[in-house]
Protein backbone atom coordinates (compact mmCIF):
# COMPACT_ATOMS: atom_id res chain seq x y z
CA MET A 1 20.08 -27.71 9.91
CA SER A 2 19.88 -27.82 5.97
CA PRO A 3 22.74 -26.18 4.20
CA SER A 4 22.27 -22.78 2.72
CA ARG A 5 20.98 -22.57 -0.84
CA GLN A 6 23.33 -21.13 -3.42
CA THR A 7 22.41 -18.92 -6.42
CA PRO A 8 23.49 -19.87 -10.04
CA LEU A 9 26.10 -17.12 -9.71
CA HIS A 10 27.86 -18.56 -6.44
CA ASP A 11 31.02 -19.53 -8.27
CA VAL A 12 31.22 -16.11 -9.97
CA HIS A 13 30.95 -14.39 -6.52
CA GLN A 14 33.69 -16.61 -5.21
CA GLN A 15 35.91 -15.72 -8.21
CA LEU A 16 35.25 -12.04 -7.37
CA GLY A 17 36.42 -12.61 -3.84
CA ALA A 18 33.06 -12.00 -2.21
CA SER A 19 32.46 -12.36 1.56
CA PHE A 20 29.25 -14.42 2.13
CA THR A 21 26.58 -14.40 4.67
CA GLU A 22 23.48 -16.62 5.31
CA PHE A 23 20.24 -14.77 4.59
CA ALA A 24 16.81 -16.29 4.39
CA GLY A 25 18.31 -19.75 3.84
CA TRP A 26 20.59 -18.53 1.12
CA GLU A 27 24.37 -18.22 1.02
CA MET A 28 24.59 -14.58 -0.47
CA PRO A 29 27.44 -12.13 -1.22
CA LEU A 30 27.59 -9.61 1.58
CA ARG A 31 30.44 -7.41 0.08
CA TYR A 32 33.31 -7.52 -2.44
CA ALA A 33 35.59 -4.40 -2.43
CA GLY A 34 33.87 -2.94 0.67
CA ASP A 35 30.54 -1.51 1.80
CA THR A 36 31.28 2.17 1.16
CA ALA A 37 33.14 1.58 -2.22
CA GLU A 38 30.07 -0.47 -3.48
CA HIS A 39 27.57 2.04 -2.07
CA ASN A 40 29.46 4.97 -3.79
CA ALA A 41 29.66 3.14 -7.00
CA VAL A 42 25.90 2.78 -7.19
CA ARG A 43 25.42 6.46 -6.44
CA ASN A 44 28.14 7.59 -8.87
CA THR A 45 28.19 5.03 -11.63
CA ALA A 46 26.65 1.56 -11.23
CA GLY A 47 26.59 -1.53 -9.09
CA LEU A 48 25.69 -5.08 -10.06
CA PHE A 49 23.59 -7.24 -7.71
CA ASP A 50 22.64 -10.90 -7.47
CA LEU A 51 19.06 -10.96 -6.05
CA THR A 52 18.20 -14.57 -6.86
CA HIS A 53 17.13 -15.21 -3.43
CA MET A 54 13.89 -13.20 -4.02
CA GLY A 55 10.70 -15.25 -4.55
CA GLU A 56 8.85 -15.36 -7.88
CA LEU A 57 5.17 -16.41 -7.73
CA GLY A 58 2.95 -16.84 -10.88
CA VAL A 59 -0.83 -16.30 -11.03
CA ARG A 60 -2.43 -16.94 -14.35
CA GLY A 61 -5.86 -17.52 -15.74
CA PRO A 62 -9.28 -16.03 -16.64
CA GLN A 63 -9.67 -14.66 -12.88
CA ALA A 64 -5.98 -13.97 -12.15
CA ALA A 65 -6.67 -10.26 -11.83
CA GLU A 66 -9.62 -10.93 -9.67
CA ALA A 67 -7.68 -13.23 -7.48
CA LEU A 68 -4.95 -10.75 -6.83
CA ASP A 69 -7.52 -7.93 -6.12
CA TYR A 70 -8.78 -10.26 -3.27
CA ALA A 71 -5.31 -11.27 -2.05
CA LEU A 72 -3.47 -7.90 -2.18
CA VAL A 73 -4.23 -4.35 -1.22
CA ALA A 74 -3.59 -3.15 -4.74
CA ASN A 75 -6.00 -2.94 -7.61
CA ALA A 76 -4.37 -5.60 -9.84
CA SER A 77 -7.15 -5.29 -12.33
CA GLY A 78 -5.98 -1.72 -13.05
CA ILE A 79 -2.28 -2.72 -13.86
CA LYS A 80 -1.61 -2.47 -17.60
CA VAL A 81 0.15 -5.29 -19.39
CA GLY A 82 3.91 -4.42 -19.21
CA ARG A 83 3.60 -2.44 -15.96
CA ALA A 84 4.34 -3.20 -12.43
CA ARG A 85 2.97 -2.01 -9.05
CA TYR A 86 4.36 -1.82 -5.48
CA THR A 87 1.82 -3.34 -3.12
CA MET A 88 1.38 -5.37 0.13
CA LEU A 89 0.10 -8.58 1.29
CA CYS A 90 -1.78 -7.98 4.51
CA ASP A 91 -3.47 -10.41 7.06
CA GLY A 92 -7.01 -10.05 8.28
CA ASN A 93 -5.99 -7.51 10.90
CA GLY A 94 -4.35 -5.19 8.36
CA GLY A 95 -0.84 -6.28 9.41
CA VAL A 96 1.88 -6.36 6.60
CA LEU A 97 2.93 -9.91 5.77
CA ASP A 98 5.17 -8.64 3.04
CA ASP A 99 5.60 -5.79 0.52
CA LEU A 100 5.75 -6.93 -2.97
CA ILE A 101 6.05 -5.86 -6.59
CA VAL A 102 3.48 -7.27 -9.05
CA TYR A 103 4.20 -7.43 -12.81
CA ARG A 104 1.45 -7.94 -15.26
CA THR A 105 3.22 -9.95 -17.99
CA ALA A 106 0.05 -10.65 -20.12
CA ASP A 107 -3.65 -10.05 -19.93
CA GLN A 108 -4.25 -13.20 -17.72
CA GLU A 109 -0.66 -13.49 -16.30
CA PHE A 110 1.01 -11.86 -13.27
CA LEU A 111 4.40 -12.27 -11.64
CA VAL A 112 4.52 -11.45 -7.92
CA VAL A 113 7.95 -10.83 -6.40
CA ALA A 114 8.24 -11.39 -2.65
CA ASN A 115 11.17 -10.58 -0.32
CA ALA A 116 13.49 -13.55 0.31
CA ALA A 117 12.70 -13.77 4.13
CA ASN A 118 8.90 -13.85 3.48
CA ALA A 119 8.77 -15.85 0.34
CA GLU A 120 7.50 -19.10 1.93
CA VAL A 121 4.77 -17.24 3.88
CA VAL A 122 3.74 -15.13 0.79
CA SER A 123 3.63 -18.38 -1.37
CA ALA A 124 1.43 -20.32 1.19
CA GLU A 125 -0.90 -17.29 1.55
CA LEU A 126 -1.24 -16.55 -2.22
CA ALA A 127 -1.93 -20.16 -2.90
CA GLU A 128 -4.78 -20.22 -0.44
CA ARG A 129 -6.23 -16.83 -1.40
CA VAL A 130 -6.10 -17.74 -5.13
CA ARG A 131 -7.83 -21.16 -4.71
CA PRO A 132 -11.47 -19.98 -4.97
CA PHE A 133 -10.87 -18.23 -8.27
CA ASP A 134 -10.53 -19.57 -11.93
CA ALA A 135 -6.74 -18.96 -11.75
CA GLU A 136 -3.60 -21.09 -11.43
CA TYR A 137 -1.04 -20.27 -8.81
CA SER A 138 2.58 -21.52 -9.10
CA ASP A 139 5.84 -20.96 -7.25
CA VAL A 140 8.29 -20.30 -10.00
CA SER A 141 11.21 -19.06 -7.93
CA THR A 142 13.53 -22.02 -8.97
CA GLU A 143 13.03 -21.05 -12.56
CA TYR A 144 14.53 -17.58 -12.21
CA ALA A 145 17.78 -15.86 -11.41
CA LEU A 146 17.50 -12.16 -10.71
CA ILE A 147 20.27 -9.66 -11.53
CA ALA A 148 20.00 -5.94 -10.97
CA VAL A 149 22.20 -3.17 -12.38
CA GLN A 150 21.57 0.05 -10.50
CA GLY A 151 23.07 3.51 -10.77
CA PRO A 152 23.11 6.63 -13.08
CA ALA A 153 25.16 4.54 -15.67
CA ALA A 154 22.73 1.57 -15.64
CA ALA A 155 21.12 2.50 -19.05
CA ASP A 156 24.31 3.10 -20.78
CA ILE A 157 25.76 -0.15 -19.51
CA LEU A 158 22.60 -2.18 -20.61
CA ALA A 159 21.97 -0.49 -24.01
CA PRO A 160 24.67 -2.30 -25.99
CA LEU A 161 23.34 -5.71 -24.90
CA THR A 162 19.84 -5.38 -25.99
CA ASP A 163 17.67 -4.22 -28.97
CA THR A 164 15.10 -2.69 -26.56
CA ASP A 165 14.90 1.01 -26.63
CA LEU A 166 15.64 1.74 -22.94
CA GLY A 167 14.53 5.26 -23.32
CA GLN A 168 10.96 3.96 -23.96
CA VAL A 169 11.08 1.72 -20.78
CA ARG A 170 9.17 3.61 -18.13
CA TYR A 171 9.82 3.41 -14.37
CA PHE A 172 7.90 0.28 -13.04
CA ALA A 173 7.68 -1.21 -16.35
CA GLY A 174 8.31 -4.88 -16.92
CA TYR A 175 8.16 -6.90 -20.23
CA PRO A 176 9.95 -9.61 -22.31
CA SER A 177 13.29 -8.62 -23.75
CA ARG A 178 16.56 -10.04 -24.80
CA VAL A 179 19.88 -9.16 -23.18
CA ALA A 180 23.14 -10.80 -24.35
CA ASN A 181 21.13 -13.07 -26.63
CA CYS A 182 19.15 -14.41 -23.66
CA ASP A 183 15.43 -14.21 -23.09
CA ILE A 184 14.60 -12.11 -19.91
CA LEU A 185 11.95 -10.11 -18.24
CA LEU A 186 13.30 -6.65 -18.07
CA ALA A 187 12.06 -4.38 -15.31
CA ARG A 188 12.91 -0.78 -14.62
CA THR A 189 12.61 -1.21 -10.90
CA GLY A 190 14.99 -1.27 -7.92
CA TYR A 191 15.69 -0.77 -4.21
CA THR A 192 18.52 1.66 -4.19
CA GLY A 193 17.09 5.07 -4.98
CA GLU A 194 18.80 5.22 -8.30
CA ASP A 195 17.69 4.50 -11.80
CA GLY A 196 18.27 1.01 -12.88
CA PHE A 197 17.02 -2.30 -14.08
CA GLU A 198 16.19 -5.70 -12.64
CA LEU A 199 16.64 -8.68 -15.16
CA PHE A 200 14.75 -11.99 -14.56
CA THR A 201 16.71 -14.52 -16.38
CA SER A 202 16.59 -18.34 -16.40
CA THR A 203 19.06 -19.88 -13.96
CA ALA A 204 20.93 -21.39 -16.98
CA ASP A 205 21.48 -17.85 -18.49
CA ALA A 206 22.44 -16.12 -15.33
CA ALA A 207 26.24 -16.20 -15.69
CA THR A 208 26.01 -15.18 -19.24
CA VAL A 209 23.96 -12.09 -18.54
CA TRP A 210 26.09 -11.18 -15.49
CA HIS A 211 29.39 -11.47 -17.41
CA ALA A 212 27.99 -9.48 -20.31
CA LEU A 213 26.91 -6.77 -17.95
CA SER A 214 30.30 -6.80 -16.13
CA GLU A 215 32.20 -6.39 -19.46
CA SER A 216 29.93 -3.65 -20.71
CA GLY A 217 30.10 -1.90 -17.52
CA ALA A 218 33.78 -1.90 -16.88
CA PRO A 219 34.54 1.35 -18.70
CA HIS A 220 31.79 2.94 -16.69
CA GLY A 221 33.10 1.88 -13.39
CA LEU A 222 30.55 -0.82 -12.67
CA GLN A 223 31.20 -2.78 -9.43
CA PRO A 224 29.64 -5.98 -8.12
CA ALA A 225 27.68 -5.03 -4.94
CA GLY A 226 26.51 -7.16 -2.10
CA LEU A 227 23.73 -7.13 0.57
CA ALA A 228 25.47 -4.70 2.90
CA CYS A 229 25.56 -1.61 0.65
CA ARG A 230 22.06 -2.56 -0.53
CA ASP A 231 20.80 -1.81 2.99
CA THR A 232 22.47 1.62 3.25
CA LEU A 233 21.27 2.54 -0.24
CA ARG A 234 17.60 1.67 0.51
CA LEU A 235 17.91 3.43 3.84
CA GLU A 236 19.09 6.71 2.27
CA ALA A 237 16.28 6.39 -0.16
CA GLY A 238 13.76 6.06 2.64
CA MET A 239 12.58 2.58 1.42
CA PRO A 240 11.11 0.27 4.14
CA LEU A 241 12.36 -3.17 4.93
CA HIS A 242 10.04 -5.86 6.34
CA GLY A 243 11.02 -6.89 9.70
CA HIS A 244 12.14 -3.25 10.42
CA GLU A 245 9.71 -0.65 9.01
CA LEU A 246 7.04 -3.24 8.09
CA SER A 247 5.64 -6.24 10.15
CA PRO A 248 2.44 -8.15 10.80
CA GLU A 249 2.01 -5.90 13.92
CA LEU A 250 1.96 -2.75 11.75
CA THR A 251 -0.44 -1.59 8.97
CA PRO A 252 0.70 0.22 6.01
CA PHE A 253 -0.79 3.42 7.68
CA HIS A 254 1.89 3.20 10.40
CA ALA A 255 4.56 3.51 7.77
CA ASN A 256 2.89 6.34 5.90
CA LEU A 257 2.30 3.89 3.03
CA GLY A 258 -1.54 4.12 3.22
CA ARG A 259 -1.47 5.29 -0.52
CA VAL A 260 -0.87 1.66 -1.55
CA VAL A 261 -4.16 0.47 0.12
CA ARG A 262 -6.87 0.80 -2.48
CA LEU A 263 -10.02 1.17 -0.34
CA ASP A 264 -11.77 2.50 -3.26
CA LYS A 265 -11.55 -0.72 -5.44
CA SER A 266 -14.83 -2.57 -5.73
CA ALA A 267 -13.47 -5.95 -4.94
CA ASP A 268 -13.32 -7.11 -1.26
CA PHE A 269 -9.82 -8.08 -0.10
CA VAL A 270 -8.12 -9.58 2.93
CA GLY A 271 -7.86 -7.04 5.80
CA ARG A 272 -10.14 -4.45 4.18
CA ALA A 273 -12.13 -3.74 7.28
CA ALA A 274 -9.26 -3.43 9.48
CA LEU A 275 -7.42 -1.18 7.01
CA ALA A 276 -10.42 0.98 6.59
CA ALA A 277 -10.58 1.50 10.37
CA ALA A 278 -6.87 2.33 10.40
CA ALA A 279 -7.34 4.92 7.69
CA GLU A 280 -9.88 6.65 9.86
CA GLN A 281 -7.91 6.68 12.95
CA PRO A 282 -4.22 7.17 12.55
CA PRO A 283 -2.00 5.06 14.73
CA ARG A 284 -0.34 6.73 17.76
CA ARG A 285 3.14 6.45 16.41
CA THR A 286 4.33 7.05 12.89
CA LEU A 287 7.47 6.49 10.83
CA VAL A 288 9.87 9.45 10.48
CA GLY A 289 13.47 10.06 9.41
CA LEU A 290 16.16 11.13 11.95
CA SER A 291 19.29 12.89 11.12
CA GLY A 292 22.25 12.72 13.55
CA THR A 293 25.75 14.10 14.03
CA GLY A 294 28.97 12.54 14.92
CA ARG A 295 30.11 8.95 14.12
CA ARG A 296 27.79 6.76 16.29
CA ALA A 297 24.63 5.82 14.37
CA PRO A 298 21.31 4.77 15.84
CA ARG A 299 20.56 1.13 15.16
CA HIS A 300 17.50 -1.06 14.99
CA GLY A 301 15.96 -1.32 18.38
CA TYR A 302 17.58 1.76 20.03
CA THR A 303 15.14 3.90 22.11
CA VAL A 304 14.14 7.40 21.05
CA LEU A 305 13.77 9.99 23.72
CA ASP A 306 12.01 13.32 23.91
CA ASP A 307 13.42 16.45 25.47
CA ASP A 308 12.55 15.26 28.96
CA GLY A 309 14.34 11.99 28.45
CA ALA A 310 11.18 10.04 28.26
CA GLU A 311 10.79 7.23 25.69
CA THR A 312 8.91 8.52 22.63
CA GLY A 313 9.78 5.94 19.97
CA VAL A 314 12.12 3.16 18.72
CA VAL A 315 14.65 2.95 15.78
CA THR A 316 13.81 0.60 13.09
CA SER A 317 16.82 1.05 10.76
CA GLY A 318 19.98 3.21 11.12
CA ALA A 319 23.39 3.62 9.78
CA PRO A 320 26.11 6.15 8.87
CA SER A 321 25.16 7.57 5.55
CA PRO A 322 28.09 7.23 2.97
CA THR A 323 26.43 9.76 0.65
CA LEU A 324 25.51 12.37 3.27
CA GLY A 325 28.45 11.99 5.65
CA HIS A 326 26.44 11.63 8.92
CA PRO A 327 24.30 9.12 10.69
CA ILE A 328 20.72 8.62 9.58
CA ALA A 329 17.76 6.41 10.85
CA MET A 330 14.15 5.63 10.43
CA ALA A 331 12.04 5.34 13.60
CA TYR A 332 8.49 5.12 14.93
CA VAL A 333 7.93 8.08 17.19
CA ASP A 334 4.78 9.47 19.03
CA ARG A 335 2.99 11.95 16.59
CA VAL A 336 3.48 14.70 19.05
CA ASN A 337 7.15 14.47 18.19
CA ALA A 338 6.93 13.58 14.60
CA GLU A 339 7.09 17.05 12.87
CA PRO A 340 10.25 17.77 10.92
CA GLY A 341 12.55 19.91 12.85
CA THR A 342 11.76 18.35 16.23
CA GLU A 343 14.84 17.80 18.32
CA LEU A 344 15.03 14.45 19.89
CA GLN A 345 17.61 12.05 21.28
CA VAL A 346 18.56 8.36 20.84
CA ASP A 347 19.81 6.15 23.61
CA ILE A 348 22.94 4.82 21.99
CA ARG A 349 24.53 2.31 24.40
CA GLY A 350 23.54 4.41 27.55
CA LYS A 351 24.51 7.85 25.99
CA ALA A 352 21.84 10.18 24.61
CA ALA A 353 22.82 11.36 21.08
CA PRO A 354 21.02 14.23 19.64
CA VAL A 355 18.88 13.76 16.36
CA GLU A 356 16.59 15.86 14.38
CA VAL A 357 13.26 14.73 12.75
CA VAL A 358 13.55 15.19 8.95
CA GLU A 359 11.50 14.34 5.88
CA THR A 360 12.39 11.25 3.92
CA PRO A 361 13.96 10.19 1.58
CA PHE A 362 17.18 11.45 3.06
CA TYR A 363 18.57 11.20 -0.56
CA ASN A 364 16.73 11.89 -3.75
CA ARG A 365 18.63 11.45 -7.10
CA ASN A 366 16.51 14.15 -8.63
CA ARG A 367 17.40 16.89 -6.17
């Protein structure tokens, strides 16, 4: 077995006392001060994440937009320069190979960001799908480090380090900037349910940018944050995770994300016929939120039961919610039991724990 890859910030994480875990072939910081403390820092002030394990894939050329129109379910041609879009790469049966963010960095240039666990699959698929077009595909993951500052104080922390007017940077925007005298791609995106920024730096500049953000953030209570709290943050925000809420066996319509599938675009795209059929006939099970009581949380793979004790679904993600103070979960359940307010149960190690179907997101910073 080959050793895990390390990010350019590995030594920084060691100095900060991080606990590490292997994830998608990378040695990544799992936690520093503790899961709950890091989670609460992101909700109340800000957290600093190393996300260099994500995949960055470039498509450029006269037909770059047309190539991505064919490769993805999004209408890439409609993305304006300096903007980004959440989308998915589906197979011919409509199954989700990965969910992605696509940044249009120039008229004929795009940057596609893939989840770490799926980066190789996405890279191979994109390379094949782009080939018939007058466009150049390249895997540029090794050229980038990715740092995220997330939380209500994110803009105040970043502002002293850049000449960019952050007040003019819209949500899901992404364009060249400078931070701490380093050239970056600055994006107002994230995976925590909070306001924040993702900074694509060169690998050589990663430590400089990280230390500058740490110093600027210290008066605001900024804390380094690991993968563990990233998972509870995204769960509270109702954001799907591939391998849990999304998979090749499920279409976007299963996850109530049919809105990302642009069946109205003129271009043909991979999986279009299957996705059109899925849009016409909703799947038997759909993704819902579950709210529990007590201390024991539903976990991935646990069975959801109806009032009669019969199986009606399966939990995809679950954890105690640090923000809300009770267990939460997402699950696929039969549509007959999917209405908010429906009382169900989850089999937690042989004991039936009561849960209620609720709307997601569980947490919304604007409420």
